[in-house]
Amino acid sequence: MSYVKPAELVTRMVDAGAYKLQLSTRDTLIRSFMGAAFLTMGAAFAVTVSTNTGQPLLGALLFPVGFVILYLFGYDLLTGVFTLGPLAVIDKRPGATLGAMFRNWGLVFLGNFGGAFFIAILMAIYFTYGFSTEPSAVGHAISEIGHSRTVGYADHGAAGMLTLFIRGVLCNWLVSTGVVLSMVSDNVVAKILAMWLPIMLFFYMGFEHSVVNMFLFPSGLLLGADFTLMDYLIWNEIPTVIGNLVGGLLFVGLPLYFTHGKPTARRVRGEKSTTRRLRRTPVAGPTPAPVVEAAAESSKDSDRLAEPLSVG
């Protein structure tokens, strides 16, 4: 299996970030809508497996299916562009400005929310036979997730908000690791395996992912869960988005960029500068013959002086 070394990996990360900032509004919205749709179908699948088998670990083991599909298709998540976009700005790529970055983040957020909410509506219909019956067991499980991870945090006040934020940070530390690892090989099997591991870990540990929550919490509201839209926004989505931004950029993007990207660039620039200096240095010509002869005579005199004196 091919392996991309960290220095080249950072170049790919910056290239990807610069490319995403140049995408049209239409392409960005479509890619982010579809990305969230695949991710949240994977989340619905994982909750279904966990509920029907009583084995949360099995659900976490299978959750990365949606993540793998969306990244193999080249779609986008807010958590991924949080990490890649700023690197292109820091690297001063053409067109990679703060304005372009914020525009990209805003469009991806809208597209992700649209895709996640669309799947939430479809799943709510599926869990209730078109809202004609009580939610199925899986529907009840999703409703409980929405209640416990909004009102549950609010019950703890500031400590709950801090916990929510930290869970958002830890989540995108792992999710962005999965995004970056999708570039660590050109082999499809290697890509899938590399992405799978950190995504499975985040889901099982119950960390907070802003895009997954765009599905879980609207689903809970549609299914009659006991929390409000403001509970969702204040006690989950907004702090989670901020935590995801910090986790992905601070613990994934920047460490890789500054340890494998910038130093490498400085070394290359230093080598080019050294080469230019050497080219400007005049090359010494052949030593004139009289100088060579004088040096030889001086050497002979030194040899005679160094010979031991004979005792008569």
C-alpha atoms as a PDB file:
ATOM      1  CA  MET A   1       0.000   0.000   0.000  1.00  0.00           C
ATOM      2  CA  SER A   2       1.297   3.465  -0.859  1.00  0.00           C
ATOM      3  CA  TYR A   3       2.127   5.764   2.040  1.00  0.00           C
ATOM      4  CA  VAL A   4       2.310   9.551   1.817  1.00  0.00           C
ATOM      5  CA  LYS A   5       4.941  10.947   4.167  1.00  0.00           C
ATOM      6  CA  PRO A   6       3.961  13.824   6.482  1.00  0.00           C
ATOM      7  CA  ALA A   7       5.693  16.591   4.487  1.00  0.00           C
ATOM      8  CA  GLU A   8       3.823  15.609   1.317  1.00  0.00           C
ATOM      9  CA  LEU A   9       0.662  15.042   3.352  1.00  0.00           C
ATOM     10  CA  VAL A  10       0.761  18.655   4.557  1.00  0.00           C
ATOM     11  CA  THR A  11       1.122  19.831   0.960  1.00  0.00           C
ATOM     12  CA  ARG A  12      -1.976  17.819   0.057  1.00  0.00           C
ATOM     13  CA  MET A  13      -3.851  19.327   3.003  1.00  0.00           C
ATOM     14  CA  VAL A  14      -3.001  22.879   1.926  1.00  0.00           C
ATOM     15  CA  ASP A  15      -3.863  22.071  -1.706  1.00  0.00           C
ATOM     16  CA  ALA A  16      -7.227  20.664  -0.611  1.00  0.00           C
ATOM     17  CA  GLY A  17      -7.974  23.711   1.525  1.00  0.00           C
ATOM     18  CA  ALA A  18      -7.080  26.110  -1.300  1.00  0.00           C
ATOM     19  CA  TYR A  19      -9.203  24.128  -3.763  1.00  0.00           C
ATOM     20  CA  LYS A  20     -12.265  24.177  -1.507  1.00  0.00           C
ATOM     21  CA  LEU A  21     -12.012  27.943  -1.062  1.00  0.00           C
ATOM     22  CA  GLN A  22     -12.175  28.360  -4.851  1.00  0.00           C
ATOM     23  CA  LEU A  23     -15.321  26.256  -5.363  1.00  0.00           C
ATOM     24  CA  SER A  24     -18.456  27.934  -6.660  1.00  0.00           C
ATOM     25  CA  THR A  25     -21.448  28.484  -4.394  1.00  0.00           C
ATOM     26  CA  ARG A  26     -23.390  25.794  -6.229  1.00  0.00           C
ATOM     27  CA  ASP A  27     -20.671  23.153  -5.944  1.00  0.00           C
ATOM     28  CA  THR A  28     -20.008  23.940  -2.289  1.00  0.00           C
ATOM     29  CA  LEU A  29     -23.684  23.651  -1.362  1.00  0.00           C
ATOM     30  CA  ILE A  30     -24.192  20.419  -3.300  1.00  0.00           C
ATOM     31  CA  ARG A  31     -21.078  18.770  -1.882  1.00  0.00           C
ATOM     32  CA  SER A  32     -21.864  19.785   1.680  1.00  0.00           C
ATOM     33  CA  PHE A  33     -25.535  18.753   1.379  1.00  0.00           C
ATOM     34  CA  MET A  34     -24.586  15.308   0.113  1.00  0.00           C
ATOM     35  CA  GLY A  35     -21.757  14.968   2.620  1.00  0.00           C
ATOM     36  CA  ALA A  36     -24.094  15.544   5.561  1.00  0.00           C
ATOM     37  CA  ALA A  37     -26.717  13.228   4.067  1.00  0.00           C
ATOM     38  CA  PHE A  38     -24.302  10.292   3.869  1.00  0.00           C
ATOM     39  CA  LEU A  39     -22.819  10.984   7.299  1.00  0.00           C
ATOM     40  CA  THR A  40     -26.203  11.178   8.995  1.00  0.00           C
ATOM     41  CA  MET A  41     -27.503   8.047   7.282  1.00  0.00           C
ATOM     42  CA  GLY A  42     -24.463   6.380   8.816  1.00  0.00           C
ATOM     43  CA  ALA A  43     -25.470   7.826  12.196  1.00  0.00           C
ATOM     44  CA  ALA A  44     -29.035   6.529  11.817  1.00  0.00           C
ATOM     45  CA  PHE A  45     -27.605   3.136  10.894  1.00  0.00           C
ATOM     46  CA  ALA A  46     -25.330   3.108  13.936  1.00  0.00           C
ATOM     47  CA  VAL A  47     -28.149   4.036  16.338  1.00  0.00           C
ATOM     48  CA  THR A  48     -30.337   1.361  14.760  1.00  0.00           C
ATOM     49  CA  VAL A  49     -27.655  -1.298  15.240  1.00  0.00           C
ATOM     50  CA  SER A  50     -26.945  -0.191  18.827  1.00  0.00           C
ATOM     51  CA  THR A  51     -30.636  -0.183  19.733  1.00  0.00           C
ATOM     52  CA  ASN A  52     -31.572  -3.480  18.088  1.00  0.00           C
ATOM     53  CA  THR A  53     -28.554  -5.406  19.367  1.00  0.00           C
ATOM     54  CA  GLY A  54     -27.978  -3.673  22.684  1.00  0.00           C
ATOM     55  CA  GLN A  55     -24.288  -3.378  21.701  1.00  0.00           C
ATOM     56  CA  PRO A  56     -23.158   0.273  21.420  1.00  0.00           C
ATOM     57  CA  LEU A  57     -19.668  -0.842  20.419  1.00  0.00           C
ATOM     58  CA  LEU A  58     -21.087  -2.606  17.363  1.00  0.00           C
ATOM     59  CA  GLY A  59     -22.905   0.577  16.347  1.00  0.00           C
ATOM     60  CA  ALA A  60     -19.686   2.592  16.715  1.00  0.00           C
ATOM     61  CA  LEU A  61     -17.769  -0.009  14.729  1.00  0.00           C
ATOM     62  CA  LEU A  62     -20.176   0.418  11.801  1.00  0.00           C
ATOM     63  CA  PHE A  63     -20.817   4.178  12.006  1.00  0.00           C
ATOM     64  CA  PRO A  64     -17.795   5.162   9.822  1.00  0.00           C
ATOM     65  CA  VAL A  65     -19.531   3.721   6.739  1.00  0.00           C
ATOM     66  CA  GLY A  66     -21.181   7.064   5.985  1.00  0.00           C
ATOM     67  CA  PHE A  67     -17.988   9.032   6.623  1.00  0.00           C
ATOM     68  CA  VAL A  68     -15.969   6.811   4.301  1.00  0.00           C
ATOM     69  CA  ILE A  69     -18.529   7.072   1.498  1.00  0.00           C
ATOM     70  CA  LEU A  70     -18.753  10.868   1.626  1.00  0.00           C
ATOM     71  CA  TYR A  71     -14.983  11.387   1.539  1.00  0.00           C
ATOM     72  CA  LEU A  72     -14.443   8.886  -1.250  1.00  0.00           C
ATOM     73  CA  PHE A  73     -16.976  10.936  -3.223  1.00  0.00           C
ATOM     74  CA  GLY A  74     -15.132  14.165  -2.405  1.00  0.00           C
ATOM     75  CA  TYR A  75     -17.989  15.741  -0.432  1.00  0.00           C
ATOM     76  CA  ASP A  76     -17.520  18.195   2.439  1.00  0.00           C
ATOM     77  CA  LEU A  77     -18.192  18.490   6.150  1.00  0.00           C
ATOM     78  CA  LEU A  78     -17.931  21.605   8.280  1.00  0.00           C
ATOM     79  CA  THR A  79     -15.515  19.800  10.581  1.00  0.00           C
ATOM     80  CA  GLY A  80     -13.154  19.134   7.674  1.00  0.00           C
ATOM     81  CA  VAL A  81     -13.106  22.647   6.205  1.00  0.00           C
ATOM     82  CA  PHE A  82     -12.497  24.039   9.704  1.00  0.00           C
ATOM     83  CA  THR A  83      -9.118  22.302   9.522  1.00  0.00           C
ATOM     84  CA  LEU A  84      -8.104  22.628   5.869  1.00  0.00           C
ATOM     85  CA  GLY A  85      -9.279  26.119   4.906  1.00  0.00           C
ATOM     86  CA  PRO A  86      -7.153  28.080   7.397  1.00  0.00           C
ATOM     87  CA  LEU A  87      -3.995  26.281   6.259  1.00  0.00           C
ATOM     88  CA  ALA A  88      -4.439  27.644   2.744  1.00  0.00           C
ATOM     89  CA  VAL A  89      -4.866  31.144   4.192  1.00  0.00           C
ATOM     90  CA  ILE A  90      -1.758  30.822   6.389  1.00  0.00           C
ATOM     91  CA  ASP A  91       0.201  29.490   3.407  1.00  0.00           C
ATOM     92  CA  LYS A  92      -0.922  32.543   1.388  1.00  0.00           C
ATOM     93  CA  ARG A  93      -2.245  30.540  -1.536  1.00  0.00           C
ATOM     94  CA  PRO A  94      -3.730  32.614  -4.386  1.00  0.00           C
ATOM     95  CA  GLY A  95      -7.343  33.473  -3.599  1.00  0.00           C
ATOM     96  CA  ALA A  96      -7.116  32.017  -0.078  1.00  0.00           C
ATOM     97  CA  THR A  97      -8.261  35.000   1.965  1.00  0.00           C
ATOM     98  CA  LEU A  98     -10.109  35.292   5.260  1.00  0.00           C
ATOM     99  CA  GLY A  99     -13.185  36.378   3.328  1.00  0.00           C
ATOM    100  CA  ALA A 100     -13.029  33.292   1.106  1.00  0.00           C
ATOM    101  CA  MET A 101     -12.548  31.078   4.148  1.00  0.00           C
ATOM    102  CA  PHE A 102     -15.542  32.502   6.052  1.00  0.00           C
ATOM    103  CA  ARG A 103     -17.652  32.294   2.898  1.00  0.00           C
ATOM    104  CA  ASN A 104     -16.717  28.625   2.538  1.00  0.00           C
ATOM    105  CA  TRP A 105     -17.505  27.890   6.185  1.00  0.00           C
ATOM    106  CA  GLY A 106     -20.901  29.584   5.903  1.00  0.00           C
ATOM    107  CA  LEU A 107     -21.875  27.736   2.730  1.00  0.00           C
ATOM    108  CA  VAL A 108     -20.739  24.370   4.072  1.00  0.00           C
ATOM    109  CA  PHE A 109     -22.701  24.974   7.286  1.00  0.00           C
ATOM    110  CA  LEU A 110     -25.859  25.714   5.278  1.00  0.00           C
ATOM    111  CA  GLY A 111     -25.346  22.743   2.993  1.00  0.00           C
ATOM    112  CA  ASN A 112     -24.613  20.382   5.876  1.00  0.00           C
ATOM    113  CA  PHE A 113     -27.667  21.546   7.779  1.00  0.00           C
ATOM    114  CA  GLY A 114     -29.840  21.089   4.705  1.00  0.00           C
ATOM    115  CA  GLY A 115     -28.593  17.552   4.096  1.00  0.00           C
ATOM    116  CA  ALA A 116     -28.834  16.532   7.748  1.00  0.00           C
ATOM    117  CA  PHE A 117     -32.307  17.997   8.182  1.00  0.00           C
ATOM    118  CA  PHE A 118     -33.494  16.302   4.999  1.00  0.00           C
ATOM    119  CA  ILE A 119     -32.398  12.912   6.360  1.00  0.00           C
ATOM    120  CA  ALA A 120     -33.992  13.776   9.730  1.00  0.00           C
ATOM    121  CA  ILE A 121     -37.353  14.270   8.004  1.00  0.00           C
ATOM    122  CA  LEU A 122     -37.027  11.022   6.038  1.00  0.00           C
ATOM    123  CA  MET A 123     -36.009   9.057   9.132  1.00  0.00           C
ATOM    124  CA  ALA A 124     -38.845  10.559  11.196  1.00  0.00           C
ATOM    125  CA  ILE A 125     -41.307   9.412   8.539  1.00  0.00           C
ATOM    126  CA  TYR A 126     -39.671   5.985   8.533  1.00  0.00           C
ATOM    127  CA  PHE A 127     -39.738   5.638  12.340  1.00  0.00           C
ATOM    128  CA  THR A 128     -43.424   6.647  12.615  1.00  0.00           C
ATOM    129  CA  TYR A 129     -45.045   5.268   9.452  1.00  0.00           C
ATOM    130  CA  GLY A 130     -45.499   8.804   8.162  1.00  0.00           C
ATOM    131  CA  PHE A 131     -46.280  10.231  11.636  1.00  0.00           C
ATOM    132  CA  SER A 132     -49.260   7.900  11.958  1.00  0.00           C
ATOM    133  CA  THR A 133     -47.905   5.885  14.910  1.00  0.00           C
ATOM    134  CA  GLU A 134     -45.647   6.311  17.916  1.00  0.00           C
ATOM    135  CA  PRO A 135     -41.923   6.284  17.087  1.00  0.00           C
ATOM    136  CA  SER A 136     -40.227   2.908  16.866  1.00  0.00           C
ATOM    137  CA  ALA A 137     -37.640   1.819  19.425  1.00  0.00           C
ATOM    138  CA  VAL A 138     -34.926   3.457  17.342  1.00  0.00           C
ATOM    139  CA  GLY A 139     -36.973   6.662  17.151  1.00  0.00           C
ATOM    140  CA  HIS A 140     -37.321   6.675  20.937  1.00  0.00           C
ATOM    141  CA  ALA A 141     -33.562   6.160  21.273  1.00  0.00           C
ATOM    142  CA  ILE A 142     -32.866   9.181  19.047  1.00  0.00           C
ATOM    143  CA  SER A 143     -35.355  11.267  21.048  1.00  0.00           C
ATOM    144  CA  GLU A 144     -33.552  10.354  24.258  1.00  0.00           C
ATOM    145  CA  ILE A 145     -30.190  11.322  22.765  1.00  0.00           C
ATOM    146  CA  GLY A 146     -31.602  14.766  21.957  1.00  0.00           C
ATOM    147  CA  HIS A 147     -32.972  15.215  25.482  1.00  0.00           C
ATOM    148  CA  SER A 148     -29.935  13.985  27.399  1.00  0.00           C
ATOM    149  CA  ARG A 149     -27.458  15.999  25.320  1.00  0.00           C
ATOM    150  CA  THR A 150     -29.267  19.333  25.626  1.00  0.00           C
ATOM    151  CA  VAL A 151     -31.240  19.466  28.864  1.00  0.00           C
ATOM    152  CA  GLY A 152     -28.709  17.056  30.368  1.00  0.00           C
ATOM    153  CA  TYR A 153     -25.934  19.616  29.878  1.00  0.00           C
ATOM    154  CA  ALA A 154     -28.133  22.522  30.993  1.00  0.00           C
ATOM    155  CA  ASP A 155     -28.829  20.781  34.314  1.00  0.00           C
ATOM    156  CA  HIS A 156     -25.111  21.180  35.149  1.00  0.00           C
ATOM    157  CA  GLY A 157     -24.918  24.878  34.255  1.00  0.00           C
ATOM    158  CA  ALA A 158     -21.433  26.216  33.487  1.00  0.00           C
ATOM    159  CA  ALA A 159     -19.871  22.806  34.134  1.00  0.00           C
ATOM    160  CA  GLY A 160     -22.230  21.306  31.589  1.00  0.00           C
ATOM    161  CA  MET A 161     -21.305  23.965  29.025  1.00  0.00           C
ATOM    162  CA  LEU A 162     -17.600  23.319  29.605  1.00  0.00           C
ATOM    163  CA  THR A 163     -18.141  19.581  29.199  1.00  0.00           C
ATOM    164  CA  LEU A 164     -20.073  20.157  25.975  1.00  0.00           C
ATOM    165  CA  PHE A 165     -17.302  22.369  24.589  1.00  0.00           C
ATOM    166  CA  ILE A 166     -14.577  19.844  25.492  1.00  0.00           C
ATOM    167  CA  ARG A 167     -16.541  17.053  23.845  1.00  0.00           C
ATOM    168  CA  GLY A 168     -16.723  19.185  20.710  1.00  0.00           C
ATOM    169  CA  VAL A 169     -12.954  19.764  20.812  1.00  0.00           C
ATOM    170  CA  LEU A 170     -12.175  16.064  21.280  1.00  0.00           C
ATOM    171  CA  CYS A 171     -14.622  15.118  18.552  1.00  0.00           C
ATOM    172  CA  ASN A 172     -13.013  17.143  15.800  1.00  0.00           C
ATOM    173  CA  TRP A 173      -9.537  16.256  16.995  1.00  0.00           C
ATOM    174  CA  LEU A 174     -10.474  12.723  15.943  1.00  0.00           C
ATOM    175  CA  VAL A 175     -12.727  13.540  12.980  1.00  0.00           C
ATOM    176  CA  SER A 176     -10.199  15.885  11.375  1.00  0.00           C
ATOM    177  CA  THR A 177      -7.590  13.204  11.930  1.00  0.00           C
ATOM    178  CA  GLY A 178      -9.833  10.970   9.837  1.00  0.00           C
ATOM    179  CA  VAL A 179     -10.146  13.692   7.180  1.00  0.00           C
ATOM    180  CA  VAL A 180      -6.361  14.091   6.977  1.00  0.00           C
ATOM    181  CA  LEU A 181      -5.737  10.346   6.998  1.00  0.00           C
ATOM    182  CA  SER A 182      -7.956  10.046   3.914  1.00  0.00           C
ATOM    183  CA  MET A 183      -5.019  11.664   2.083  1.00  0.00           C
ATOM    184  CA  VAL A 184      -2.296   9.499   3.594  1.00  0.00           C
ATOM    185  CA  SER A 185      -2.453   6.914   0.820  1.00  0.00           C
ATOM    186  CA  ASP A 186      -3.482   6.611  -2.817  1.00  0.00           C
ATOM    187  CA  ASN A 187      -4.780   3.097  -2.213  1.00  0.00           C
ATOM    188  CA  VAL A 188      -8.544   2.883  -1.624  1.00  0.00           C
ATOM    189  CA  VAL A 189      -8.347   0.106   0.977  1.00  0.00           C
ATOM    190  CA  ALA A 190      -5.658   1.980   2.905  1.00  0.00           C
ATOM    191  CA  LYS A 191      -7.729   5.175   2.794  1.00  0.00           C
ATOM    192  CA  ILE A 192     -10.780   3.375   4.204  1.00  0.00           C
ATOM    193  CA  LEU A 193      -8.840   1.751   7.041  1.00  0.00           C
ATOM    194  CA  ALA A 194      -7.062   4.991   7.950  1.00  0.00           C
ATOM    195  CA  MET A 195     -10.345   6.924   8.091  1.00  0.00           C
ATOM    196  CA  TRP A 196     -12.223   4.203   9.938  1.00  0.00           C
ATOM    197  CA  LEU A 197     -10.195   4.116  13.163  1.00  0.00           C
ATOM    198  CA  PRO A 198     -10.550   7.677  14.544  1.00  0.00           C
ATOM    199  CA  ILE A 199     -14.196   7.963  13.436  1.00  0.00           C
ATOM    200  CA  MET A 200     -15.160   4.784  15.268  1.00  0.00           C
ATOM    201  CA  LEU A 201     -13.442   6.095  18.390  1.00  0.00           C
ATOM    202  CA  PHE A 202     -15.237   9.461  18.438  1.00  0.00           C
ATOM    203  CA  PHE A 203     -18.686   7.917  17.982  1.00  0.00           C
ATOM    204  CA  TYR A 204     -18.305   5.296  20.681  1.00  0.00           C
ATOM    205  CA  MET A 205     -17.061   7.832  23.232  1.00  0.00           C
ATOM    206  CA  GLY A 206     -20.061  10.095  22.648  1.00  0.00           C
ATOM    207  CA  PHE A 207     -18.194  13.193  21.555  1.00  0.00           C
ATOM    208  CA  GLU A 208     -20.138  16.055  19.969  1.00  0.00           C
ATOM    209  CA  HIS A 209     -20.078  16.414  16.182  1.00  0.00           C
ATOM    210  CA  SER A 210     -21.880  19.474  14.857  1.00  0.00           C
ATOM    211  CA  VAL A 211     -23.067  17.831  11.629  1.00  0.00           C
ATOM    212  CA  VAL A 212     -24.243  14.580  13.223  1.00  0.00           C
ATOM    213  CA  ASN A 213     -26.136  16.721  15.731  1.00  0.00           C
ATOM    214  CA  MET A 214     -27.844  18.558  12.865  1.00  0.00           C
ATOM    215  CA  PHE A 215     -29.566  15.219  12.284  1.00  0.00           C
ATOM    216  CA  LEU A 216     -30.006  13.839  15.806  1.00  0.00           C
ATOM    217  CA  PHE A 217     -31.598  16.869  17.431  1.00  0.00           C
ATOM    218  CA  PRO A 218     -34.007  17.936  14.677  1.00  0.00           C
ATOM    219  CA  SER A 219     -34.996  14.251  14.501  1.00  0.00           C
ATOM    220  CA  GLY A 220     -35.691  14.302  18.224  1.00  0.00           C
ATOM    221  CA  LEU A 221     -37.853  17.430  17.875  1.00  0.00           C
ATOM    222  CA  LEU A 222     -39.790  15.880  14.983  1.00  0.00           C
ATOM    223  CA  LEU A 223     -40.327  12.736  17.077  1.00  0.00           C
ATOM    224  CA  GLY A 224     -41.656  14.648  20.092  1.00  0.00           C
ATOM    225  CA  ALA A 225     -38.600  14.757  22.356  1.00  0.00           C
ATOM    226  CA  ASP A 226     -38.801  16.905  25.506  1.00  0.00           C
ATOM    227  CA  PHE A 227     -36.501  19.814  24.609  1.00  0.00           C
ATOM    228  CA  THR A 228     -36.851  22.987  22.552  1.00  0.00           C
ATOM    229  CA  LEU A 229     -35.159  24.491  19.510  1.00  0.00           C
ATOM    230  CA  MET A 230     -33.407  27.028  21.762  1.00  0.00           C
ATOM    231  CA  ASP A 231     -32.191  24.185  23.993  1.00  0.00           C
ATOM    232  CA  TYR A 232     -30.670  22.600  20.910  1.00  0.00           C
ATOM    233  CA  LEU A 233     -28.974  25.772  19.680  1.00  0.00           C
ATOM    234  CA  ILE A 234     -27.668  27.067  23.022  1.00  0.00           C
ATOM    235  CA  TRP A 235     -26.980  23.805  24.810  1.00  0.00           C
ATOM    236  CA  ASN A 236     -25.560  21.879  21.903  1.00  0.00           C
ATOM    237  CA  GLU A 237     -25.106  23.182  18.368  1.00  0.00           C
ATOM    238  CA  ILE A 238     -23.389  26.536  18.946  1.00  0.00           C
ATOM    239  CA  PRO A 239     -20.875  25.343  21.593  1.00  0.00           C
ATOM    240  CA  THR A 240     -20.271  22.202  19.559  1.00  0.00           C
ATOM    241  CA  VAL A 241     -19.437  24.198  16.417  1.00  0.00           C
ATOM    242  CA  ILE A 242     -16.939  26.314  18.377  1.00  0.00           C
ATOM    243  CA  GLY A 243     -15.401  23.228  20.002  1.00  0.00           C
ATOM    244  CA  ASN A 244     -15.136  21.495  16.627  1.00  0.00           C
ATOM    245  CA  LEU A 245     -13.318  24.509  15.177  1.00  0.00           C
ATOM    246  CA  VAL A 246     -10.808  24.587  18.031  1.00  0.00           C
ATOM    247  CA  GLY A 247     -10.229  20.829  18.030  1.00  0.00           C
ATOM    248  CA  GLY A 248      -9.647  20.420  14.318  1.00  0.00           C
ATOM    249  CA  LEU A 249      -7.491  23.480  13.740  1.00  0.00           C
ATOM    250  CA  LEU A 250      -5.515  23.589  16.994  1.00  0.00           C
ATOM    251  CA  PHE A 251      -4.790  19.878  17.391  1.00  0.00           C
ATOM    252  CA  VAL A 252      -4.691  18.582  13.801  1.00  0.00           C
ATOM    253  CA  GLY A 253      -4.134  21.247  11.142  1.00  0.00           C
ATOM    254  CA  LEU A 254      -1.665  23.605  12.804  1.00  0.00           C
ATOM    255  CA  PRO A 255       0.641  21.006  14.416  1.00  0.00           C
ATOM    256  CA  LEU A 256       1.084  19.178  11.114  1.00  0.00           C
ATOM    257  CA  TYR A 257       1.540  22.397   9.154  1.00  0.00           C
ATOM    258  CA  PHE A 258       4.140  23.948  11.432  1.00  0.00           C
ATOM    259  CA  THR A 259       6.142  20.772  12.037  1.00  0.00           C
ATOM    260  CA  HIS A 260       6.069  19.256   8.538  1.00  0.00           C
ATOM    261  CA  GLY A 261       5.089  22.154   6.293  1.00  0.00           C
ATOM    262  CA  LYS A 262       6.798  25.375   7.339  1.00  0.00           C
ATOM    263  CA  PRO A 263      10.168  23.892   8.425  1.00  0.00           C
ATOM    264  CA  THR A 264      10.395  22.015   5.156  1.00  0.00           C
ATOM    265  CA  ALA A 265       9.701  25.202   3.213  1.00  0.00           C
ATOM    266  CA  ARG A 266      12.364  27.060   5.188  1.00  0.00           C
ATOM    267  CA  ARG A 267      14.921  24.322   4.527  1.00  0.00           C
ATOM    268  CA  VAL A 268      14.172  24.434   0.808  1.00  0.00           C
ATOM    269  CA  ARG A 269      14.475  28.223   0.743  1.00  0.00           C
ATOM    270  CA  GLY A 270      17.742  27.979   2.702  1.00  0.00           C
ATOM    271  CA  GLU A 271      19.175  25.475   0.244  1.00  0.00           C
ATOM    272  CA  LYS A 272      18.225  27.700  -2.705  1.00  0.00           C
ATOM    273  CA  SER A 273      19.839  30.710  -1.003  1.00  0.00           C
ATOM    274  CA  THR A 274      23.026  28.748  -0.369  1.00  0.00           C
ATOM    275  CA  THR A 275      23.104  27.649  -3.991  1.00  0.00           C
ATOM    276  CA  ARG A 276      22.761  31.251  -5.182  1.00  0.00           C
ATOM    277  CA  ARG A 277      25.613  32.393  -2.905  1.00  0.00           C
ATOM    278  CA  LEU A 278      27.877  29.628  -4.183  1.00  0.00           C
ATOM    279  CA  ARG A 279      27.135  30.611  -7.761  1.00  0.00           C
ATOM    280  CA  ARG A 280      28.152  34.221  -7.018  1.00  0.00           C
ATOM    281  CA  THR A 281      31.458  33.213  -5.324  1.00  0.00           C
ATOM    282  CA  PRO A 282      34.387  33.539  -7.820  1.00  0.00           C
ATOM    283  CA  VAL A 283      36.211  30.317  -8.535  1.00  0.00           C
ATOM    284  CA  ALA A 284      39.966  30.458  -7.861  1.00  0.00           C
ATOM    285  CA  GLY A 285      42.135  29.952 -10.962  1.00  0.00           C
ATOM    286  CA  PRO A 286      45.313  27.854 -11.246  1.00  0.00           C
ATOM    287  CA  THR A 287      48.196  28.914  -8.976  1.00  0.00           C
ATOM    288  CA  PRO A 288      50.899  30.804 -10.940  1.00  0.00           C
ATOM    289  CA  ALA A 289      54.072  28.814 -11.582  1.00  0.00           C
ATOM    290  CA  PRO A 290      56.452  31.158  -9.637  1.00  0.00           C
ATOM    291  CA  VAL A 291      54.311  30.827  -6.544  1.00  0.00           C
ATOM    292  CA  VAL A 292      54.371  27.026  -6.845  1.00  0.00           C
ATOM    293  CA  GLU A 293      58.151  27.010  -7.233  1.00  0.00           C
ATOM    294  CA  ALA A 294      58.593  29.350  -4.243  1.00  0.00           C
ATOM    295  CA  ALA A 295      56.431  27.141  -2.129  1.00  0.00           C
ATOM    296  CA  ALA A 296      58.463  24.087  -3.135  1.00  0.00           C
ATOM    297  CA  GLU A 297      61.757  25.776  -2.177  1.00  0.00           C
ATOM    298  CA  SER A 298      60.282  26.847   1.151  1.00  0.00           C
ATOM    299  CA  SER A 299      59.212  23.267   1.787  1.00  0.00           C
ATOM    300  CA  LYS A 300      62.758  21.976   1.071  1.00  0.00           C
ATOM    301  CA  ASP A 301      64.232  24.524   3.517  1.00  0.00           C
ATOM    302  CA  SER A 302      61.789  23.445   6.172  1.00  0.00           C
ATOM    303  CA  ASP A 303      62.756  19.812   5.649  1.00  0.00           C
ATOM    304  CA  ARG A 304      66.461  20.609   6.059  1.00  0.00           C
ATOM    305  CA  LEU A 305      65.821  22.519   9.262  1.00  0.00           C
ATOM    306  CA  ALA A 306      63.822  19.627  10.593  1.00  0.00           C
ATOM    307  CA  GLU A 307      66.651  17.110  10.034  1.00  0.00           C
ATOM    308  CA  PRO A 308      68.530  16.155  13.275  1.00  0.00           C
ATOM    309  CA  LEU A 309      72.049  17.639  13.730  1.00  0.00           C
ATOM    310  CA  SER A 310      74.900  15.110  13.554  1.00  0.00           C
ATOM    311  CA  VAL A 311      77.321  14.899  16.509  1.00  0.00           C
ATOM    312  CA  GLY A 312      80.994  15.211  15.415  1.00  0.00           C
END
